[in-house]
Amino acid sequence: LLEISEKRSDRVYLKVRVPDDAALGVYPFALHTARGITRVKMLRVGALPSIAEAKDHAKPETAQQIALNCTVDGRVLAEDVDWYSFDAEAGQRIRIEAEGIRLGFYDYDLQFEVFGPDGELVVRADESSIGRADPVAGFLVEKAGTHRLALRDVAYRGSSLAAYRLHVGDRKS
C-alpha cells in the first residue's frame, strides 16, 4: 500500500503497487474503518500491463490507440460505445476478451465488434461459454493495418458502476 487519501467523508482512495513477481489472480480485501469493515473488493492481477480508458473515444475517428498485449480498464455508460484501435500484421492471431459481469459490480451484457483497416466487420462477440455475458473471440488478421474495436452493452445500458477489463493481445501473450 502506497497511499490512502480521503477526498470525501464517505470515500477513500487507495494507491497500491503490485510487485513484478506477484502471482496472477484475484485478491480480495476489505478496509477497517471507524464505522466498521467495508464490503469486500477485489484486486485483479493479470498477465498483461493495464492502462486506463481515455476520456473521449466515443466515435471511430476518436478511437483510443492501444498496443497489443495490454488490458484496458474502463466503464460503459448508458448509450455509450467505447472505441479502441490497434495495429496488427497479416497472419497475426488476435485474441480479445472483455470482463464485465465477472467483475461483479453491475449486471450488464457486453459485446464487441472488430473492424479491419477497410472498415469491414472482422468479428463480433457477445456471450461466451467461458465468461457468460462477457465476450471472448479470436481471429486471424487478413489485412495488415489499423483495426478498430467497438465495445458496448448490447442494450446500450450502462452506469458508472459498469466497469470492464478489456484484454487485447496476440497469441504470443
Protein backbone atom coordinates (compact mmCIF):
# COMPACT_ATOMS: atom_id res chain seq x y z
CA LEU A 1 0.00 0.00 0.00
CA LEU A 2 1.49 3.30 -1.08
CA GLU A 3 -1.17 5.80 -0.06
CA ILE A 4 -4.67 6.22 1.37
CA SER A 5 -6.42 9.51 0.70
CA GLU A 6 -9.86 10.79 1.65
CA LYS A 7 -11.48 13.03 -0.95
CA ARG A 8 -14.95 12.83 0.59
CA SER A 9 -16.11 11.87 4.07
CA ASP A 10 -17.69 8.66 2.72
CA ARG A 11 -14.92 7.54 0.34
CA VAL A 12 -11.22 6.70 0.42
CA TYR A 13 -8.81 6.13 -2.44
CA LEU A 14 -6.03 3.57 -2.29
CA LYS A 15 -2.83 3.65 -4.26
CA VAL A 16 -1.09 0.29 -4.36
CA ARG A 17 1.95 -1.10 -6.08
CA VAL A 18 1.81 -4.65 -7.36
CA PRO A 19 5.23 -6.33 -7.28
CA ASP A 20 6.51 -7.59 -10.63
CA ASP A 21 6.66 -11.13 -9.23
CA ALA A 22 3.09 -11.12 -7.84
CA ALA A 23 1.14 -14.26 -8.63
CA LEU A 24 -1.67 -13.82 -11.16
CA GLY A 25 -5.13 -13.94 -9.69
CA VAL A 26 -7.84 -12.19 -7.72
CA TYR A 27 -7.05 -10.78 -4.28
CA PRO A 28 -9.99 -9.91 -2.02
CA PHE A 29 -9.59 -7.12 0.52
CA ALA A 30 -11.63 -5.02 2.93
CA LEU A 31 -10.82 -1.93 4.95
CA HIS A 32 -11.31 -1.46 8.68
CA THR A 33 -12.78 2.00 9.25
CA ALA A 34 -14.15 3.92 12.23
CA ARG A 35 -17.63 2.83 11.07
CA GLY A 36 -16.75 -0.84 10.67
CA ILE A 37 -15.49 -3.12 7.92
CA THR A 38 -16.19 -2.27 4.26
CA ARG A 39 -17.60 -4.66 1.72
CA VAL A 40 -15.03 -6.93 0.15
CA LYS A 41 -13.47 -5.60 -3.05
CA MET A 42 -11.22 -7.43 -5.47
CA LEU A 43 -7.78 -6.53 -6.78
CA ARG A 44 -7.04 -8.36 -10.03
CA VAL A 45 -3.52 -9.11 -11.15
CA GLY A 46 -3.38 -10.11 -14.81
CA ALA A 47 -0.68 -11.17 -17.23
CA LEU A 48 -0.87 -8.00 -19.33
CA PRO A 49 0.00 -4.43 -18.38
CA SER A 50 -3.07 -2.26 -17.64
CA ILE A 51 -3.94 1.16 -18.98
CA ALA A 52 -6.94 3.41 -18.29
CA GLU A 53 -9.53 4.22 -20.92
CA ALA A 54 -9.23 7.71 -22.42
CA LYS A 55 -11.85 10.38 -21.85
CA ASP A 56 -13.00 10.95 -25.43
CA HIS A 57 -13.16 7.78 -27.51
CA ALA A 58 -16.87 7.55 -28.29
CA LYS A 59 -16.51 7.57 -32.10
CA PRO A 60 -14.45 5.52 -34.56
CA GLU A 61 -12.49 8.62 -35.59
CA THR A 62 -11.51 9.34 -31.96
CA ALA A 63 -10.73 5.72 -31.05
CA GLN A 64 -8.14 5.32 -28.31
CA GLN A 65 -4.97 3.84 -29.80
CA ILE A 66 -3.75 0.87 -27.76
CA ALA A 67 -0.85 -1.51 -28.16
CA LEU A 68 -1.39 -5.23 -28.46
CA ASN A 69 -0.90 -7.25 -25.29
CA CYS A 70 -2.48 -4.84 -22.87
CA THR A 71 -5.56 -4.58 -20.66
CA VAL A 72 -7.79 -1.51 -20.72
CA ASP A 73 -9.65 -0.65 -17.53
CA GLY A 74 -12.82 1.27 -18.35
CA ARG A 75 -16.52 1.83 -17.78
CA VAL A 76 -19.55 1.61 -20.07
CA LEU A 77 -22.03 4.41 -19.50
CA ALA A 78 -25.63 4.48 -20.75
CA GLU A 79 -25.83 4.75 -24.56
CA ASP A 80 -22.04 4.58 -24.64
CA VAL A 81 -19.76 2.93 -27.19
CA ASP A 82 -16.06 2.80 -26.34
CA TRP A 83 -13.81 2.75 -29.43
CA TYR A 84 -10.25 1.43 -29.48
CA SER A 85 -7.77 0.97 -32.32
CA PHE A 86 -4.75 -1.27 -32.62
CA ASP A 87 -2.27 -2.12 -35.35
CA ALA A 88 -1.89 -5.71 -36.50
CA GLU A 89 0.08 -7.53 -39.17
CA ALA A 90 -1.35 -10.00 -41.68
CA GLY A 91 -1.13 -13.52 -40.27
CA GLN A 92 -1.21 -12.43 -36.63
CA ARG A 93 -3.63 -14.26 -34.36
CA ILE A 94 -5.52 -11.81 -32.15
CA ARG A 95 -7.46 -12.72 -29.01
CA ILE A 96 -9.84 -10.30 -27.31
CA GLU A 97 -11.67 -10.82 -24.04
CA ALA A 98 -13.86 -8.40 -22.10
CA GLU A 99 -14.52 -8.93 -18.40
CA GLY A 100 -17.61 -7.12 -17.19
CA ILE A 101 -20.25 -9.23 -15.48
CA ARG A 102 -17.49 -11.34 -13.89
CA LEU A 103 -16.18 -8.27 -12.07
CA GLY A 104 -19.40 -8.27 -10.04
CA PHE A 105 -20.10 -4.53 -9.94
CA TYR A 106 -23.02 -4.23 -12.36
CA ASP A 107 -25.42 -6.55 -14.20
CA TYR A 108 -24.89 -5.89 -17.91
CA ASP A 109 -24.09 -7.71 -21.14
CA LEU A 110 -21.01 -6.64 -23.08
CA GLN A 111 -20.49 -7.02 -26.81
CA PHE A 112 -17.59 -6.03 -29.05
CA GLU A 113 -17.07 -5.75 -32.78
CA VAL A 114 -13.74 -5.51 -34.59
CA PHE A 115 -13.44 -3.77 -37.96
CA GLY A 116 -10.49 -4.21 -40.31
CA PRO A 117 -8.47 -1.45 -42.00
CA ASP A 118 -11.08 -1.33 -44.78
CA GLY A 119 -13.95 -0.84 -42.31
CA GLU A 120 -15.35 -4.34 -42.86
CA LEU A 121 -16.57 -6.30 -39.83
CA VAL A 122 -13.94 -8.90 -38.87
CA VAL A 123 -15.52 -10.42 -35.76
CA ARG A 124 -18.45 -9.80 -33.41
CA ALA A 125 -18.61 -11.36 -29.96
CA ASP A 126 -21.38 -11.33 -27.40
CA GLU A 127 -21.63 -14.12 -24.86
CA SER A 128 -19.19 -16.97 -24.38
CA SER A 129 -19.15 -20.26 -22.56
CA ILE A 130 -16.07 -19.00 -20.71
CA GLY A 131 -17.41 -15.72 -19.41
CA ARG A 132 -21.22 -15.98 -19.61
CA ALA A 133 -22.23 -12.45 -20.64
CA ASP A 134 -18.59 -11.50 -21.22
CA PRO A 135 -17.42 -11.84 -24.83
CA VAL A 136 -14.30 -13.68 -25.96
CA ALA A 137 -13.13 -14.03 -29.57
CA GLY A 138 -10.08 -14.73 -31.63
CA PHE A 139 -9.32 -14.16 -35.27
CA LEU A 140 -6.55 -14.38 -37.84
CA VAL A 141 -5.63 -10.98 -39.28
CA GLU A 142 -6.14 -11.00 -43.04
CA LYS A 143 -5.25 -7.37 -43.81
CA ALA A 144 -2.41 -5.54 -42.08
CA GLY A 145 -3.17 -2.12 -40.66
CA THR A 146 -5.22 -0.35 -38.04
CA HIS A 147 -8.18 -2.28 -36.68
CA ARG A 148 -10.97 -0.64 -34.69
CA LEU A 149 -12.85 -2.22 -31.82
CA ALA A 150 -16.25 -1.03 -30.54
CA LEU A 151 -17.24 -2.16 -27.03
CA ARG A 152 -20.72 -1.57 -25.58
CA ASP A 153 -23.58 -3.05 -23.62
CA VAL A 154 -25.89 -4.95 -26.02
CA ALA A 155 -28.91 -2.90 -24.86
CA TYR A 156 -26.92 0.36 -24.60
CA ARG A 157 -27.38 0.31 -20.84
CA GLY A 158 -24.55 1.27 -18.59
CA SER A 159 -23.58 3.00 -15.40
CA SER A 160 -20.61 4.46 -13.59
CA LEU A 161 -20.60 1.03 -11.88
CA ALA A 162 -20.33 -0.84 -15.24
CA ALA A 163 -16.59 -1.44 -15.07
CA TYR A 164 -14.79 -3.64 -17.56
CA ARG A 165 -11.34 -5.01 -18.28
CA LEU A 166 -10.65 -5.39 -21.99
CA HIS A 167 -7.75 -7.71 -22.85
CA VAL A 168 -6.33 -7.39 -26.39
CA GLY A 169 -3.35 -9.44 -27.48
CA ASP A 170 -1.77 -11.76 -29.96
CA ARG A 171 -1.28 -15.47 -29.36
CA LYS A 172 2.24 -14.87 -28.17
CA SER A 173 0.91 -13.24 -24.99
